[in-house]
Amino acid sequence: NIKKILLAIPNAKWYRSNAYWHLHPCPLTLITSMLDRKRFDLKIVDANINDYSPDTFSKIIADWQPDLVGLSILANEYGITGHIGAKAAKKVSSDIVTVLGGVYPTTRASDVLDDPLVDFAVLGEGEFVFPQLIDFIEGKGELPSEGIAYRENGEKIILPQQNYIQDVDSLPFPNNDLIDFHRYANESFKHVVDAPRA
């Protein structure tokens, strides 16, 4: 069963030591707003703004013991950071379900699935796909019909998103109570073109 879900932003410095991406984790706050807080314990970890090493990230996972770790990767060139994050999770326990989301898996799903430490990838908008995926993992629903990538019997199954969310007003507000919002307001870039819904 999936009870504890840890969603994370990998550290951009895992790719390049001089990388600097201090952005509000809007995709993760949107995802958590779609999940039932009575059903799940949720945690957002921003390894980027906190400059966590892979070992520190792994220790956080070991201390909190999530059932699922989701990693959001902003750009293709930072794809390796998602794989490093998945490795950190599987280092704690091979039973932890690992899911990659964001631009990188959306545009390079096949490359993501080359990594056996990644169990699923969410392609495109994850607000509805991710909760459906959790239901599927728990045996409570069908696998999403689009916006998902996974392996089955050694074969890559890639189902790109076809139907996009038309009414963004139907989405709840981002769930900022799991982050230090004021820290992002003071330390992050003041414009976030990647997150127009916020």
Protein backbone atom coordinates (compact mmCIF):
# COMPACT_ATOMS: atom_id res chain seq x y z
CA ASN A 1 0.00 0.00 0.00
CA ILE A 2 1.01 3.59 -0.62
CA LYS A 3 0.66 5.66 2.53
CA LYS A 4 3.69 7.97 2.64
CA ILE A 5 4.56 9.97 -0.48
CA LEU A 6 7.71 12.06 -0.76
CA LEU A 7 7.87 14.47 -3.69
CA ALA A 8 11.20 16.08 -4.46
CA ILE A 9 13.08 18.56 -6.58
CA PRO A 10 16.55 17.10 -7.27
CA ASN A 11 19.59 19.29 -6.78
CA ALA A 12 20.67 20.85 -10.08
CA LYS A 13 24.25 20.68 -8.80
CA TRP A 14 24.11 16.90 -9.10
CA TYR A 15 24.45 17.63 -12.81
CA ARG A 16 26.69 20.69 -12.79
CA SER A 17 28.40 22.19 -9.74
CA ASN A 18 27.71 25.79 -10.74
CA ALA A 19 24.03 25.25 -11.59
CA TYR A 20 21.62 27.68 -9.96
CA TRP A 21 17.89 27.00 -10.05
CA HIS A 22 15.98 28.44 -7.11
CA LEU A 23 12.37 28.14 -8.17
CA HIS A 24 9.16 27.66 -6.24
CA PRO A 25 8.27 23.94 -6.53
CA CYS A 26 4.90 24.78 -8.07
CA PRO A 27 4.45 21.41 -9.84
CA LEU A 28 4.78 19.57 -6.53
CA THR A 29 2.48 21.90 -4.62
CA LEU A 30 -0.12 21.37 -7.35
CA ILE A 31 0.26 17.59 -7.18
CA THR A 32 -0.12 17.54 -3.39
CA SER A 33 -3.27 19.64 -3.70
CA MET A 34 -4.77 16.79 -5.75
CA LEU A 35 -4.05 14.12 -3.14
CA ASP A 36 -6.27 13.21 -0.19
CA ARG A 37 -4.49 14.32 2.98
CA LYS A 38 -6.60 11.91 5.04
CA ARG A 39 -5.37 9.04 2.91
CA PHE A 40 -1.71 9.99 2.46
CA ASP A 41 1.13 11.45 4.48
CA LEU A 42 2.85 13.92 2.17
CA LYS A 43 6.27 15.52 2.22
CA ILE A 44 7.99 17.90 -0.21
CA VAL A 45 11.79 17.92 -0.24
CA ASP A 46 13.64 20.54 -2.27
CA ALA A 47 17.16 19.19 -2.55
CA ASN A 48 17.93 22.09 -4.85
CA ILE A 49 17.29 25.12 -2.65
CA ASN A 50 18.74 23.25 0.34
CA ASP A 51 21.77 22.10 -1.68
CA TYR A 52 21.46 18.51 -0.46
CA SER A 53 23.99 15.93 -1.59
CA PRO A 54 22.68 12.58 -2.87
CA ASP A 55 23.73 11.00 0.45
CA THR A 56 21.84 13.62 2.46
CA PHE A 57 18.78 13.11 0.26
CA SER A 58 19.05 9.37 0.78
CA LYS A 59 19.25 9.88 4.56
CA ILE A 60 16.09 12.01 4.49
CA ILE A 61 14.34 9.18 2.65
CA ALA A 62 15.70 6.62 5.12
CA ASP A 63 14.51 8.69 8.08
CA TRP A 64 11.02 9.32 6.71
CA GLN A 65 10.49 5.90 5.08
CA PRO A 66 8.17 6.81 2.18
CA ASP A 67 6.41 4.20 0.09
CA LEU A 68 6.77 6.31 -3.06
CA VAL A 69 9.29 8.93 -4.14
CA GLY A 70 8.37 11.26 -6.98
CA LEU A 71 10.99 13.47 -8.63
CA SER A 72 10.25 16.52 -10.77
CA ILE A 73 12.89 17.47 -13.35
CA LEU A 74 12.61 20.94 -14.84
CA ALA A 75 14.71 20.55 -18.00
CA ASN A 76 16.19 17.89 -20.27
CA GLU A 77 19.80 18.72 -19.47
CA TYR A 78 19.11 18.03 -15.80
CA GLY A 79 17.66 14.59 -16.45
CA ILE A 80 20.57 12.86 -14.73
CA THR A 81 19.49 14.47 -11.44
CA GLY A 82 16.26 12.49 -11.55
CA HIS A 83 18.16 9.25 -11.96
CA ILE A 84 20.49 10.15 -9.10
CA GLY A 85 17.41 10.84 -6.95
CA ALA A 86 15.85 7.50 -7.92
CA LYS A 87 19.11 5.75 -7.04
CA ALA A 88 19.12 7.47 -3.65
CA ALA A 89 15.59 6.16 -3.01
CA LYS A 90 16.28 2.60 -4.13
CA LYS A 91 19.46 2.63 -2.02
CA VAL A 92 17.19 2.90 1.02
CA SER A 93 14.78 0.20 -0.16
CA SER A 94 14.13 -1.49 -3.47
CA ASP A 95 10.46 -1.56 -2.46
CA ILE A 96 10.12 2.22 -2.76
CA VAL A 97 8.19 3.09 -5.91
CA THR A 98 10.04 5.72 -7.95
CA VAL A 99 8.25 8.08 -10.34
CA LEU A 100 9.80 10.78 -12.53
CA GLY A 101 7.82 13.75 -13.81
CA GLY A 102 8.46 17.07 -15.50
CA VAL A 103 9.94 18.19 -18.79
CA TYR A 104 12.64 15.53 -18.98
CA PRO A 105 10.44 12.40 -18.85
CA THR A 106 7.77 14.11 -20.94
CA THR A 107 10.19 14.60 -23.83
CA ARG A 108 12.54 11.65 -23.27
CA ALA A 109 10.44 8.88 -21.81
CA SER A 110 12.39 6.12 -23.53
CA ASP A 111 15.64 7.34 -21.99
CA VAL A 112 14.02 7.44 -18.57
CA LEU A 113 12.90 3.82 -18.90
CA ASP A 114 16.45 2.73 -19.69
CA ASP A 115 17.06 3.14 -15.96
CA PRO A 116 15.80 0.09 -14.05
CA LEU A 117 15.67 2.17 -10.87
CA VAL A 118 12.80 4.25 -12.27
CA ASP A 119 9.46 2.45 -12.02
CA PHE A 120 7.14 4.94 -13.75
CA ALA A 121 7.26 8.26 -15.57
CA VAL A 122 4.42 10.75 -15.71
CA LEU A 123 4.28 12.53 -19.07
CA GLY A 124 2.78 15.98 -19.41
CA GLU A 125 0.33 17.28 -16.83
CA GLY A 126 0.37 15.09 -13.76
CA GLU A 127 -2.44 16.55 -11.67
CA PHE A 128 -4.87 13.77 -12.61
CA VAL A 129 -2.48 11.10 -13.89
CA PHE A 130 -0.44 10.87 -10.69
CA PRO A 131 -3.40 10.14 -8.36
CA GLN A 132 -4.68 7.60 -10.89
CA LEU A 133 -1.26 5.95 -10.94
CA ILE A 134 -1.30 5.61 -7.16
CA ASP A 135 -4.74 4.00 -7.31
CA PHE A 136 -3.39 1.55 -9.89
CA ILE A 137 -0.35 0.67 -7.77
CA GLU A 138 -2.65 0.00 -4.83
CA GLY A 139 -4.98 -2.13 -6.95
CA LYS A 140 -7.81 0.36 -6.58
CA GLY A 141 -8.05 1.55 -10.18
CA GLU A 142 -6.96 1.17 -13.77
CA LEU A 143 -3.62 2.28 -15.12
CA PRO A 144 -3.91 5.75 -16.68
CA SER A 145 -4.65 5.47 -20.39
CA GLU A 146 -2.32 8.34 -21.28
CA GLY A 147 0.45 10.44 -19.79
CA ILE A 148 2.34 7.47 -18.40
CA ALA A 149 5.41 5.39 -19.22
CA TYR A 150 6.52 2.11 -17.67
CA ARG A 151 8.01 -1.28 -18.42
CA GLU A 152 6.03 -4.48 -18.83
CA ASN A 153 7.79 -7.79 -19.31
CA GLY A 154 10.93 -5.92 -20.29
CA GLU A 155 9.13 -3.85 -22.93
CA LYS A 156 8.83 -0.08 -22.76
CA ILE A 157 5.24 1.16 -22.75
CA ILE A 158 4.97 4.88 -23.51
CA LEU A 159 1.55 6.53 -23.61
CA PRO A 160 1.95 10.28 -24.24
CA GLN A 161 -0.63 12.73 -22.96
CA GLN A 162 -3.33 13.39 -25.55
CA ASN A 163 -5.94 15.36 -23.66
CA TYR A 164 -4.75 18.43 -21.83
CA ILE A 165 -6.49 20.17 -18.95
CA GLN A 166 -8.65 22.82 -20.58
CA ASP A 167 -10.12 24.50 -17.49
CA VAL A 168 -7.22 25.33 -15.20
CA ASP A 169 -9.69 27.06 -12.88
CA SER A 170 -10.97 23.59 -12.02
CA LEU A 171 -7.67 22.82 -10.31
CA PRO A 172 -7.27 23.56 -6.61
CA PHE A 173 -4.80 26.15 -5.41
CA PRO A 174 -1.22 24.93 -4.88
CA ASN A 175 -0.67 23.40 -1.46
CA ASN A 176 1.98 25.69 0.00
CA ASP A 177 1.69 24.45 3.56
CA LEU A 178 4.28 21.73 2.87
CA ILE A 179 6.99 24.24 1.97
CA ASP A 180 8.52 27.36 3.46
CA PHE A 181 6.73 29.75 1.13
CA HIS A 182 8.40 32.88 2.54
CA ARG A 183 11.82 31.43 1.85
CA TYR A 184 10.96 31.02 -1.82
CA ALA A 185 9.49 34.51 -1.90
CA ASN A 186 12.79 35.92 -0.69
CA GLU A 187 15.37 33.60 -2.27
CA SER A 188 13.89 32.35 -5.54
CA PHE A 189 13.64 33.97 -8.94
CA LYS A 190 10.84 36.52 -8.93
CA HIS A 191 9.38 35.22 -12.19
CA VAL A 192 8.49 31.62 -12.88
CA VAL A 193 7.53 31.19 -16.52
CA ASP A 194 7.55 27.43 -16.00
CA ALA A 195 4.59 27.67 -13.65
CA PRO A 196 1.91 29.84 -15.31
CA ARG A 197 -0.87 28.18 -13.30
CA ALA A 198 0.39 29.63 -10.03
